């Protein structure tokens, strides 16, 4: 390799390393206290998947600590009490792939075992035929919640 090509390769490597330091974590929004308070106040009123979609878009960067546990409870309540709206969730997931990860992440060990058992049961016995992949992911999350 010539010296010119070697220098060019080193410049490319340096540029790639520089870009790596500005990955997703470096670009993440910081949740202000005001945003965290607004998000917490809104969690109790989440009762449609459209509201969850907008909540994730607006406050997803605040999803941490106690707020994250509240979100998990809201997700569980939505799944358990409004299972018939799962096609609505699927519709929003088509527009926002991160919403699926958001919902699945909140089916976790912060929930009561009765909640995770109910979600697992619904995903097993009451899954709409065209949503088997989503149901399988929900079932797996519920099964792994306490592992």
C-alpha atoms as a PDB file:
ATOM      1  CA  UNK A   1       0.000   0.000   0.000  1.00  0.00           C
ATOM      2  CA  UNK A   2       1.395   3.396  -0.920  1.00  0.00           C
ATOM      3  CA  UNK A   3       1.933   6.084   1.696  1.00  0.00           C
ATOM      4  CA  UNK A   4      -0.858   8.194   0.151  1.00  0.00           C
ATOM      5  CA  UNK A   5      -3.318   5.284   0.364  1.00  0.00           C
ATOM      6  CA  UNK A   6      -2.173   4.515   3.908  1.00  0.00           C
ATOM      7  CA  UNK A   7      -2.743   8.133   4.993  1.00  0.00           C
ATOM      8  CA  UNK A   8      -6.161   8.073   3.307  1.00  0.00           C
ATOM      9  CA  UNK A   9      -7.082   4.855   5.130  1.00  0.00           C
ATOM     10  CA  UNK A  10      -5.992   6.381   8.450  1.00  0.00           C
ATOM     11  CA  UNK A  11      -8.127   9.482   7.811  1.00  0.00           C
ATOM     12  CA  UNK A  12     -11.158   7.308   7.072  1.00  0.00           C
ATOM     13  CA  UNK A  13     -10.570   5.281  10.246  1.00  0.00           C
ATOM     14  CA  UNK A  14     -10.232   8.460  12.307  1.00  0.00           C
ATOM     15  CA  UNK A  15     -13.421   9.858  10.799  1.00  0.00           C
ATOM     16  CA  UNK A  16     -15.321   6.642  11.577  1.00  0.00           C
ATOM     17  CA  UNK A  17     -14.090   6.652  15.169  1.00  0.00           C
ATOM     18  CA  UNK A  18     -15.107  10.268  15.521  1.00  0.00           C
ATOM     19  CA  UNK A  19     -18.604   9.506  14.211  1.00  0.00           C
ATOM     20  CA  UNK A  20     -18.926   6.548  16.577  1.00  0.00           C
ATOM     21  CA  UNK A  21     -18.616   8.869  19.544  1.00  0.00           C
ATOM     22  CA  UNK A  22     -21.756  10.640  18.351  1.00  0.00           C
ATOM     23  CA  UNK A  23     -23.920   7.518  18.355  1.00  0.00           C
ATOM     24  CA  UNK A  24     -27.557   7.399  19.497  1.00  0.00           C
ATOM     25  CA  UNK A  25     -26.693   7.914  23.156  1.00  0.00           C
ATOM     26  CA  UNK A  26     -24.786  11.088  22.371  1.00  0.00           C
ATOM     27  CA  UNK A  27     -27.739  12.403  20.364  1.00  0.00           C
ATOM     28  CA  UNK A  28     -30.412  11.430  22.924  1.00  0.00           C
ATOM     29  CA  UNK A  29     -32.612  14.174  24.284  1.00  0.00           C
ATOM     30  CA  UNK A  30     -32.323  15.039  27.935  1.00  0.00           C
ATOM     31  CA  UNK A  31     -35.532  14.852  29.942  1.00  0.00           C
ATOM     32  CA  UNK A  32     -36.072  18.051  31.868  1.00  0.00           C
ATOM     33  CA  UNK A  33     -37.832  18.088  35.223  1.00  0.00           C
ATOM     34  CA  UNK A  34     -40.769  19.882  33.619  1.00  0.00           C
ATOM     35  CA  UNK A  35     -41.045  17.194  30.916  1.00  0.00           C
ATOM     36  CA  UNK A  36     -40.800  14.395  33.482  1.00  0.00           C
ATOM     37  CA  UNK A  37     -43.595  15.983  35.524  1.00  0.00           C
ATOM     38  CA  UNK A  38     -45.776  16.403  32.430  1.00  0.00           C
ATOM     39  CA  UNK A  39     -45.124  12.814  31.370  1.00  0.00           C
ATOM     40  CA  UNK A  40     -45.971  11.495  34.821  1.00  0.00           C
ATOM     41  CA  UNK A  41     -49.221  13.464  34.851  1.00  0.00           C
ATOM     42  CA  UNK A  42     -50.136  12.080  31.442  1.00  0.00           C
ATOM     43  CA  UNK A  43     -49.431   8.393  32.149  1.00  0.00           C
ATOM     44  CA  UNK A  44     -52.632   7.923  34.170  1.00  0.00           C
ATOM     45  CA  UNK A  45     -54.693   9.138  31.219  1.00  0.00           C
ATOM     46  CA  UNK A  46     -53.251   6.784  28.594  1.00  0.00           C
ATOM     47  CA  UNK A  47     -56.158   4.655  27.432  1.00  0.00           C
ATOM     48  CA  UNK A  48     -55.779   4.357  23.652  1.00  0.00           C
ATOM     49  CA  UNK A  49     -52.869   3.170  21.553  1.00  0.00           C
ATOM     50  CA  UNK A  50     -52.950   6.505  19.759  1.00  0.00           C
ATOM     51  CA  UNK A  51     -52.261   8.198  23.086  1.00  0.00           C
ATOM     52  CA  UNK A  52     -49.382   5.780  23.748  1.00  0.00           C
ATOM     53  CA  UNK A  53     -48.034   6.557  20.264  1.00  0.00           C
ATOM     54  CA  UNK A  54     -48.070  10.312  20.927  1.00  0.00           C
ATOM     55  CA  UNK A  55     -46.761   9.838  24.471  1.00  0.00           C
ATOM     56  CA  UNK A  56     -43.751   7.854  23.203  1.00  0.00           C
ATOM     57  CA  UNK A  57     -43.041  10.478  20.550  1.00  0.00           C
ATOM     58  CA  UNK A  58     -43.255  13.345  23.035  1.00  0.00           C
ATOM     59  CA  UNK A  59     -41.855  11.806  26.229  1.00  0.00           C
ATOM     60  CA  UNK A  60     -40.054   8.619  25.198  1.00  0.00           C
ATOM     61  CA  UNK A  61     -36.743  10.187  26.183  1.00  0.00           C
ATOM     62  CA  UNK A  62     -38.080  10.464  29.776  1.00  0.00           C
ATOM     63  CA  UNK A  63     -38.680   6.697  30.047  1.00  0.00           C
ATOM     64  CA  UNK A  64     -36.590   5.959  33.123  1.00  0.00           C
ATOM     65  CA  UNK A  65     -36.887   5.105  36.820  1.00  0.00           C
ATOM     66  CA  UNK A  66     -40.238   5.614  38.487  1.00  0.00           C
ATOM     67  CA  UNK A  67     -41.823   6.976  35.324  1.00  0.00           C
ATOM     68  CA  UNK A  68     -40.830   3.810  33.490  1.00  0.00           C
ATOM     69  CA  UNK A  69     -42.635   1.723  36.130  1.00  0.00           C
ATOM     70  CA  UNK A  70     -45.756   3.863  35.720  1.00  0.00           C
ATOM     71  CA  UNK A  71     -45.606   3.389  31.963  1.00  0.00           C
ATOM     72  CA  UNK A  72     -45.320  -0.371  32.455  1.00  0.00           C
ATOM     73  CA  UNK A  73     -48.464  -0.320  34.569  1.00  0.00           C
ATOM     74  CA  UNK A  74     -50.303   1.703  31.925  1.00  0.00           C
ATOM     75  CA  UNK A  75     -49.188  -0.672  29.163  1.00  0.00           C
ATOM     76  CA  UNK A  76     -50.314  -3.688  31.204  1.00  0.00           C
ATOM     77  CA  UNK A  77     -53.685  -2.076  31.904  1.00  0.00           C
ATOM     78  CA  UNK A  78     -54.154  -1.286  28.227  1.00  0.00           C
ATOM     79  CA  UNK A  79     -53.269  -4.815  27.175  1.00  0.00           C
ATOM     80  CA  UNK A  80     -55.348  -6.507  29.851  1.00  0.00           C
ATOM     81  CA  UNK A  81     -58.453  -4.315  29.714  1.00  0.00           C
ATOM     82  CA  UNK A  82     -58.475  -3.398  26.031  1.00  0.00           C
ATOM     83  CA  UNK A  83     -57.002  -6.457  24.332  1.00  0.00           C
ATOM     84  CA  UNK A  84     -59.514  -6.091  21.506  1.00  0.00           C
ATOM     85  CA  UNK A  85     -57.674  -2.902  20.478  1.00  0.00           C
ATOM     86  CA  UNK A  86     -54.497  -4.816  19.592  1.00  0.00           C
ATOM     87  CA  UNK A  87     -55.128  -4.182  15.849  1.00  0.00           C
ATOM     88  CA  UNK A  88     -55.026  -0.442  16.634  1.00  0.00           C
ATOM     89  CA  UNK A  89     -51.601  -0.924  18.241  1.00  0.00           C
ATOM     90  CA  UNK A  90     -50.442  -2.791  15.133  1.00  0.00           C
ATOM     91  CA  UNK A  91     -51.614   0.112  12.970  1.00  0.00           C
ATOM     92  CA  UNK A  92     -49.507   2.577  14.949  1.00  0.00           C
ATOM     93  CA  UNK A  93     -46.522   0.215  14.928  1.00  0.00           C
ATOM     94  CA  UNK A  94     -46.601   0.327  11.108  1.00  0.00           C
ATOM     95  CA  UNK A  95     -46.027   4.096  11.353  1.00  0.00           C
ATOM     96  CA  UNK A  96     -43.608   3.953  14.274  1.00  0.00           C
ATOM     97  CA  UNK A  97     -41.549   0.764  14.602  1.00  0.00           C
ATOM     98  CA  UNK A  98     -40.097   2.017  17.898  1.00  0.00           C
ATOM     99  CA  UNK A  99     -43.575   1.843  19.447  1.00  0.00           C
ATOM    100  CA  UNK A 100     -43.445  -1.957  19.376  1.00  0.00           C
ATOM    101  CA  UNK A 101     -40.156  -2.023  21.277  1.00  0.00           C
ATOM    102  CA  UNK A 102     -41.577   0.549  23.708  1.00  0.00           C
ATOM    103  CA  UNK A 103     -44.640  -1.598  24.473  1.00  0.00           C
ATOM    104  CA  UNK A 104     -42.702  -4.878  24.646  1.00  0.00           C
ATOM    105  CA  UNK A 105     -40.062  -3.321  26.940  1.00  0.00           C
ATOM    106  CA  UNK A 106     -42.811  -2.350  29.381  1.00  0.00           C
ATOM    107  CA  UNK A 107     -44.080  -5.898  29.779  1.00  0.00           C
ATOM    108  CA  UNK A 108     -41.472  -6.585  32.440  1.00  0.00           C
ATOM    109  CA  UNK A 109     -40.662  -7.579  35.988  1.00  0.00           C
ATOM    110  CA  UNK A 110     -42.050  -4.367  37.493  1.00  0.00           C
ATOM    111  CA  UNK A 111     -45.550  -5.739  36.851  1.00  0.00           C
ATOM    112  CA  UNK A 112     -47.428  -8.069  39.158  1.00  0.00           C
ATOM    113  CA  UNK A 113     -47.288 -11.723  38.175  1.00  0.00           C
ATOM    114  CA  UNK A 114     -51.063 -11.632  37.724  1.00  0.00           C
ATOM    115  CA  UNK A 115     -50.575  -8.952  35.030  1.00  0.00           C
ATOM    116  CA  UNK A 116     -47.885 -10.836  33.167  1.00  0.00           C
ATOM    117  CA  UNK A 117     -49.841 -14.095  33.448  1.00  0.00           C
ATOM    118  CA  UNK A 118     -52.939 -12.401  32.015  1.00  0.00           C
ATOM    119  CA  UNK A 119     -50.971 -10.855  29.129  1.00  0.00           C
ATOM    120  CA  UNK A 120     -49.355 -14.204  28.402  1.00  0.00           C
ATOM    121  CA  UNK A 121     -52.763 -15.899  28.458  1.00  0.00           C
ATOM    122  CA  UNK A 122     -54.332 -13.313  26.134  1.00  0.00           C
ATOM    123  CA  UNK A 123     -51.391 -13.506  23.730  1.00  0.00           C
ATOM    124  CA  UNK A 124     -51.750 -17.288  23.664  1.00  0.00           C
ATOM    125  CA  UNK A 125     -55.512 -17.745  23.438  1.00  0.00           C
ATOM    126  CA  UNK A 126     -56.940 -14.508  22.008  1.00  0.00           C
ATOM    127  CA  UNK A 127     -54.512 -13.361  19.354  1.00  0.00           C
ATOM    128  CA  UNK A 128     -55.956 -11.965  16.137  1.00  0.00           C
ATOM    129  CA  UNK A 129     -54.847 -14.197  13.248  1.00  0.00           C
ATOM    130  CA  UNK A 130     -52.917 -11.436  11.494  1.00  0.00           C
ATOM    131  CA  UNK A 131     -51.005 -10.367  14.633  1.00  0.00           C
ATOM    132  CA  UNK A 132     -49.293 -13.605  15.617  1.00  0.00           C
ATOM    133  CA  UNK A 133     -45.833 -12.015  15.545  1.00  0.00           C
ATOM    134  CA  UNK A 134     -46.858  -9.229  17.916  1.00  0.00           C
ATOM    135  CA  UNK A 135     -48.616 -11.719  20.187  1.00  0.00           C
ATOM    136  CA  UNK A 136     -45.554 -13.967  20.214  1.00  0.00           C
ATOM    137  CA  UNK A 137     -43.395 -11.002  21.272  1.00  0.00           C
ATOM    138  CA  UNK A 138     -45.851 -10.032  24.028  1.00  0.00           C
ATOM    139  CA  UNK A 139     -46.067 -13.628  25.239  1.00  0.00           C
ATOM    140  CA  UNK A 140     -42.274 -13.921  25.313  1.00  0.00           C
ATOM    141  CA  UNK A 141     -41.895 -10.628  27.207  1.00  0.00           C
ATOM    142  CA  UNK A 142     -44.500 -11.720  29.759  1.00  0.00           C
ATOM    143  CA  UNK A 143     -42.857 -15.124  30.176  1.00  0.00           C
ATOM    144  CA  UNK A 144     -39.424 -13.527  30.642  1.00  0.00           C
ATOM    145  CA  UNK A 145     -40.601 -10.791  32.998  1.00  0.00           C
ATOM    146  CA  UNK A 146     -39.351 -12.551  36.113  1.00  0.00           C
ATOM    147  CA  UNK A 147     -36.349 -14.414  34.742  1.00  0.00           C
END
